Amino acid sequence: MLRFRELEATALHAGLGVQLIDEFASVPSAGVETPPLAWTAIDIDIDDGGVWRAVDPAVLAVARTAGGVIWYPWLEHHADARGLPPRKYRVRVAADMFAPRYRYDADGVEVLVAPFDDVDPPASAASAPLKLALLPAASYPFPPAVPVLHGRVVDGASAPVVDALVSWRDPALQTDRVLSDADGEFALPMRRAPRDVSIDVLATRPAPGTGRSGTVVVRIPPDLSIFHIISIS
């Protein structure tokens, strides 16, 4: 087995690395990528002839680096890897107070993992871990100073829409985004939102062939006390 120091220093090219990032708390422009503080769990699936098969967590060796990366160092390790093709895996995440960004348009994030053995390193290796953005759920503990808009996304029949991407738009500012939950509800932070001007809040959901969307116009701060309904069609 690789010791932690060996994994951190010399073997990060092997297997698969996953880094979970709290998108709200991170500052990409400053190179700050904040890990989630709440409970998270990662599920790994393997492409088994065109069908996703869950990999038993009990057989996965796991290590965490000082930077918060979860590594599966022995994924696709073989006694003899010569001639073996890369295998396709899918990464899925469950998390308290978060919704993975990928859920907007996918069931998980797919990645190819190259085979290797004790003599031959992987023929191709990822230069960095797979980074998965986690968006705040309705239960996220936003700081008291952050204005938060609450509401629900529904379809034309007034049924809740799950995993709709909700954001507010301003071409000159970095805005926030969240996903609606199982009840269609969302809590959208409005950091940097201008005061007492009309702001478009957009909800979108992909659909086969065409996307669906809906918009509500709000003003901050008076509309923070209103529970908004966004209908998409």
Protein backbone atom coordinates (compact mmCIF):
# COMPACT_ATOMS: atom_id res chain seq x y z
CA MET A 1 0.00 0.00 0.00
CA LEU A 2 1.12 3.54 -0.65
CA ARG A 3 1.77 5.55 2.44
CA PHE A 4 0.06 8.95 2.61
CA ARG A 5 3.32 10.85 2.04
CA GLU A 6 4.05 8.74 -1.05
CA LEU A 7 0.55 9.33 -2.36
CA GLU A 8 0.76 13.08 -1.78
CA ALA A 9 4.21 13.47 -3.31
CA THR A 10 4.67 10.90 -6.04
CA ALA A 11 1.59 8.93 -7.02
CA LEU A 12 -1.11 11.47 -7.72
CA HIS A 13 -1.08 10.46 -11.38
CA ALA A 14 -2.59 7.08 -10.51
CA GLY A 15 -6.27 6.29 -10.06
CA LEU A 16 -8.85 9.03 -9.67
CA GLY A 17 -8.92 12.21 -7.59
CA VAL A 18 -12.08 14.16 -6.72
CA GLN A 19 -12.21 17.65 -5.23
CA LEU A 20 -15.54 18.96 -3.90
CA ILE A 21 -15.88 22.73 -3.96
CA ASP A 22 -18.39 24.95 -2.15
CA GLU A 23 -19.12 27.35 -4.99
CA PHE A 24 -20.70 29.99 -2.75
CA ALA A 25 -17.75 30.18 -0.34
CA SER A 26 -15.05 29.99 -3.02
CA VAL A 27 -13.42 32.90 -4.82
CA PRO A 28 -12.17 31.58 -8.18
CA SER A 29 -10.58 34.88 -9.20
CA ALA A 30 -8.34 34.67 -6.12
CA GLY A 31 -7.65 30.96 -6.49
CA VAL A 32 -9.69 30.14 -3.36
CA GLU A 33 -11.52 26.80 -3.58
CA THR A 34 -13.35 26.10 -0.32
CA PRO A 35 -14.33 22.52 0.57
CA PRO A 36 -17.83 21.84 1.90
CA LEU A 37 -18.09 21.79 5.70
CA ALA A 38 -21.17 19.57 5.87
CA TRP A 39 -21.46 15.82 5.32
CA THR A 40 -20.65 14.56 1.83
CA ALA A 41 -20.48 11.13 0.22
CA ILE A 42 -19.00 10.13 -3.13
CA ASP A 43 -20.33 7.18 -5.15
CA ILE A 44 -18.28 5.67 -7.95
CA ASP A 45 -19.91 3.77 -10.84
CA ILE A 46 -18.16 1.83 -13.59
CA ASP A 47 -19.32 1.39 -17.17
CA ASP A 48 -20.05 -2.32 -17.36
CA GLY A 49 -20.81 -2.92 -21.02
CA GLY A 50 -22.97 0.17 -21.40
CA VAL A 51 -24.65 -0.23 -18.02
CA TRP A 52 -23.54 1.70 -14.93
CA ARG A 53 -22.61 -0.59 -12.05
CA ALA A 54 -21.92 0.81 -8.59
CA VAL A 55 -18.46 0.06 -7.26
CA ASP A 56 -18.61 -1.40 -3.76
CA PRO A 57 -17.11 1.24 -1.42
CA ALA A 58 -15.60 -1.57 0.64
CA VAL A 59 -13.18 -2.42 -2.18
CA LEU A 60 -12.11 1.16 -2.84
CA ALA A 61 -8.92 2.35 -1.17
CA VAL A 62 -9.38 6.02 -0.30
CA ALA A 63 -6.88 8.69 0.76
CA ARG A 64 -7.30 12.41 1.43
CA THR A 65 -4.60 14.93 0.67
CA ALA A 66 -3.84 18.01 2.74
CA GLY A 67 -5.59 20.06 0.06
CA GLY A 68 -8.87 18.22 0.57
CA VAL A 69 -8.70 16.00 -2.53
CA ILE A 70 -10.21 12.53 -2.18
CA TRP A 71 -8.02 10.06 -4.07
CA TYR A 72 -8.78 6.53 -5.19
CA PRO A 73 -5.16 5.57 -5.90
CA TRP A 74 -5.69 1.94 -6.93
CA LEU A 75 -8.54 2.45 -9.38
CA GLU A 76 -7.60 0.59 -12.57
CA HIS A 77 -4.50 -0.92 -10.97
CA HIS A 78 -3.76 -4.32 -12.48
CA ALA A 79 -1.15 -7.03 -12.10
CA ASP A 80 -0.38 -6.49 -15.80
CA ALA A 81 -1.91 -3.42 -17.48
CA ARG A 82 -0.29 -3.89 -20.90
CA GLY A 83 -2.85 -3.60 -23.71
CA LEU A 84 -5.75 -2.70 -21.44
CA PRO A 85 -7.90 0.27 -22.52
CA PRO A 86 -9.03 3.06 -20.17
CA ARG A 87 -12.29 2.40 -18.32
CA LYS A 88 -15.16 4.83 -18.00
CA TYR A 89 -16.30 5.77 -14.51
CA ARG A 90 -19.05 8.02 -13.21
CA VAL A 91 -18.77 10.13 -10.06
CA ARG A 92 -21.89 11.03 -8.07
CA VAL A 93 -22.11 13.12 -4.90
CA ALA A 94 -24.58 13.36 -2.03
CA ALA A 95 -24.20 16.28 0.37
CA ASP A 96 -25.99 17.99 3.20
CA MET A 97 -26.89 21.61 2.39
CA PHE A 98 -25.66 21.30 -1.20
CA ALA A 99 -26.72 20.18 -4.66
CA PRO A 100 -24.03 19.10 -7.14
CA ARG A 101 -23.98 21.40 -10.17
CA TYR A 102 -23.94 18.44 -12.56
CA ARG A 103 -27.50 17.48 -11.57
CA TYR A 104 -28.79 20.29 -13.77
CA ASP A 105 -28.16 18.21 -16.88
CA ALA A 106 -26.56 14.89 -15.87
CA ASP A 107 -26.77 12.01 -13.42
CA GLY A 108 -23.06 12.29 -12.63
CA VAL A 109 -19.70 13.29 -14.07
CA GLU A 110 -18.03 10.79 -16.37
CA VAL A 111 -14.28 10.33 -16.48
CA LEU A 112 -11.84 7.92 -18.12
CA VAL A 113 -9.29 6.25 -15.85
CA ALA A 114 -6.18 4.79 -17.47
CA PRO A 115 -4.91 1.36 -16.38
CA PHE A 116 -1.51 0.94 -14.75
CA ASP A 117 0.54 -1.66 -12.93
CA ASP A 118 3.54 -1.73 -10.61
CA VAL A 119 5.94 -1.31 -13.54
CA ASP A 120 4.07 0.77 -16.10
CA PRO A 121 2.47 4.14 -15.17
CA PRO A 122 -0.83 5.16 -16.83
CA ALA A 123 -0.46 5.87 -20.55
CA SER A 124 -2.43 9.07 -20.00
CA ALA A 125 -2.85 10.82 -16.69
CA ALA A 126 -5.03 13.66 -15.46
CA SER A 127 -3.00 16.73 -14.52
CA ALA A 128 -5.46 17.66 -11.75
CA PRO A 129 -8.28 16.08 -9.76
CA LEU A 130 -11.84 16.12 -11.02
CA LYS A 131 -13.40 19.27 -9.54
CA LEU A 132 -17.11 19.14 -8.70
CA ALA A 133 -18.97 22.34 -7.86
CA LEU A 134 -21.55 22.12 -5.07
CA LEU A 135 -24.30 24.75 -5.13
CA PRO A 136 -26.11 25.92 -1.98
CA ALA A 137 -29.36 24.11 -1.19
CA ALA A 138 -32.32 25.80 0.47
CA SER A 139 -30.92 24.72 3.87
CA TYR A 140 -27.49 26.33 3.30
CA PRO A 141 -26.44 28.56 6.26
CA PHE A 142 -25.85 31.84 4.44
CA PRO A 143 -24.17 34.57 6.51
CA PRO A 144 -26.69 37.02 8.01
CA ALA A 145 -25.40 39.89 5.88
CA VAL A 146 -26.14 38.06 2.62
CA PRO A 147 -29.55 38.89 1.08
CA VAL A 148 -31.31 35.67 0.05
CA LEU A 149 -34.29 35.34 -2.28
CA HIS A 150 -36.65 32.42 -1.57
CA GLY A 151 -39.08 30.77 -3.95
CA ARG A 152 -40.21 27.74 -5.92
CA VAL A 153 -39.89 26.67 -9.55
CA VAL A 154 -42.99 25.08 -11.09
CA ASP A 155 -44.07 23.86 -14.51
CA GLY A 156 -47.19 24.77 -16.47
CA ALA A 157 -49.28 22.45 -14.29
CA SER A 158 -47.94 24.07 -11.10
CA ALA A 159 -45.95 20.92 -10.26
CA PRO A 160 -42.51 21.49 -8.66
CA VAL A 161 -39.51 21.36 -10.96
CA VAL A 162 -36.48 19.59 -9.51
CA ASP A 163 -32.90 20.64 -10.31
CA ALA A 164 -33.79 23.83 -12.14
CA LEU A 165 -30.84 26.20 -12.32
CA VAL A 166 -31.81 29.51 -10.72
CA SER A 167 -29.63 32.61 -11.09
CA TRP A 168 -29.86 36.37 -11.30
CA ARG A 169 -28.49 38.19 -14.27
CA ASP A 170 -26.17 41.16 -14.50
CA PRO A 171 -23.62 41.29 -17.35
CA ALA A 172 -21.26 43.44 -15.29
CA LEU A 173 -21.20 41.34 -12.11
CA GLN A 174 -20.37 37.85 -10.95
CA THR A 175 -23.73 36.47 -9.91
CA ASP A 176 -24.85 33.48 -7.84
CA ARG A 177 -26.69 30.33 -8.87
CA VAL A 178 -28.44 27.46 -7.12
CA LEU A 179 -30.51 24.37 -7.97
CA SER A 180 -34.11 23.85 -6.90
CA ASP A 181 -34.71 20.93 -4.52
CA ALA A 182 -37.17 18.01 -4.60
CA ASP A 183 -40.03 20.42 -3.77
CA GLY A 184 -38.90 22.90 -6.42
CA GLU A 185 -37.78 25.32 -3.71
CA PHE A 186 -34.63 27.43 -3.84
CA ALA A 187 -32.72 29.95 -1.75
CA LEU A 188 -30.77 32.27 -4.05
CA PRO A 189 -28.08 34.51 -2.55
CA MET A 190 -28.04 37.99 -4.05
CA ARG A 191 -24.49 39.07 -3.27
CA ARG A 192 -23.42 42.19 -5.13
CA ALA A 193 -26.98 42.72 -6.38
CA PRO A 194 -27.76 46.42 -6.95
CA ARG A 195 -30.34 47.97 -4.64
CA ASP A 196 -33.75 49.26 -5.70
CA VAL A 197 -33.43 48.40 -9.37
CA SER A 198 -35.18 45.72 -11.41
CA ILE A 199 -33.26 42.41 -11.50
CA ASP A 200 -34.13 39.40 -13.66
CA VAL A 201 -34.08 36.08 -11.81
CA LEU A 202 -33.97 33.22 -14.31
CA ALA A 203 -34.86 29.54 -13.86
CA THR A 204 -33.91 27.03 -16.55
CA ARG A 205 -34.24 23.31 -17.01
CA PRO A 206 -32.92 21.35 -19.99
CA ALA A 207 -35.33 19.17 -21.94
CA PRO A 208 -34.91 16.91 -25.00
CA GLY A 209 -34.41 19.11 -28.03
CA THR A 210 -35.09 22.40 -26.28
CA GLY A 211 -34.73 23.98 -22.87
CA ARG A 212 -37.42 25.44 -20.65
CA SER A 213 -37.10 28.68 -18.77
CA GLY A 214 -38.98 31.28 -16.78
CA THR A 215 -38.20 34.66 -15.27
CA VAL A 216 -39.34 36.79 -12.37
CA VAL A 217 -38.35 40.41 -11.88
CA VAL A 218 -37.39 41.46 -8.34
CA ARG A 219 -36.08 44.47 -6.48
CA ILE A 220 -33.70 44.25 -3.55
CA PRO A 221 -34.34 44.65 -0.64
CA PRO A 222 -38.20 44.91 -0.71
CA ASP A 223 -38.77 41.60 -2.54
CA LEU A 224 -36.64 39.58 -0.12
CA SER A 225 -39.72 39.17 2.07
CA ILE A 226 -41.75 37.61 -0.77
CA PHE A 227 -41.84 33.88 -1.63
CA HIS A 228 -41.50 33.95 -5.41
CA ILE A 229 -42.99 31.47 -7.86
CA ILE A 230 -41.14 31.01 -11.16
CA SER A 231 -43.11 29.15 -13.81
CA ILE A 232 -41.09 27.58 -16.60
CA SER A 233 -42.39 26.35 -19.91
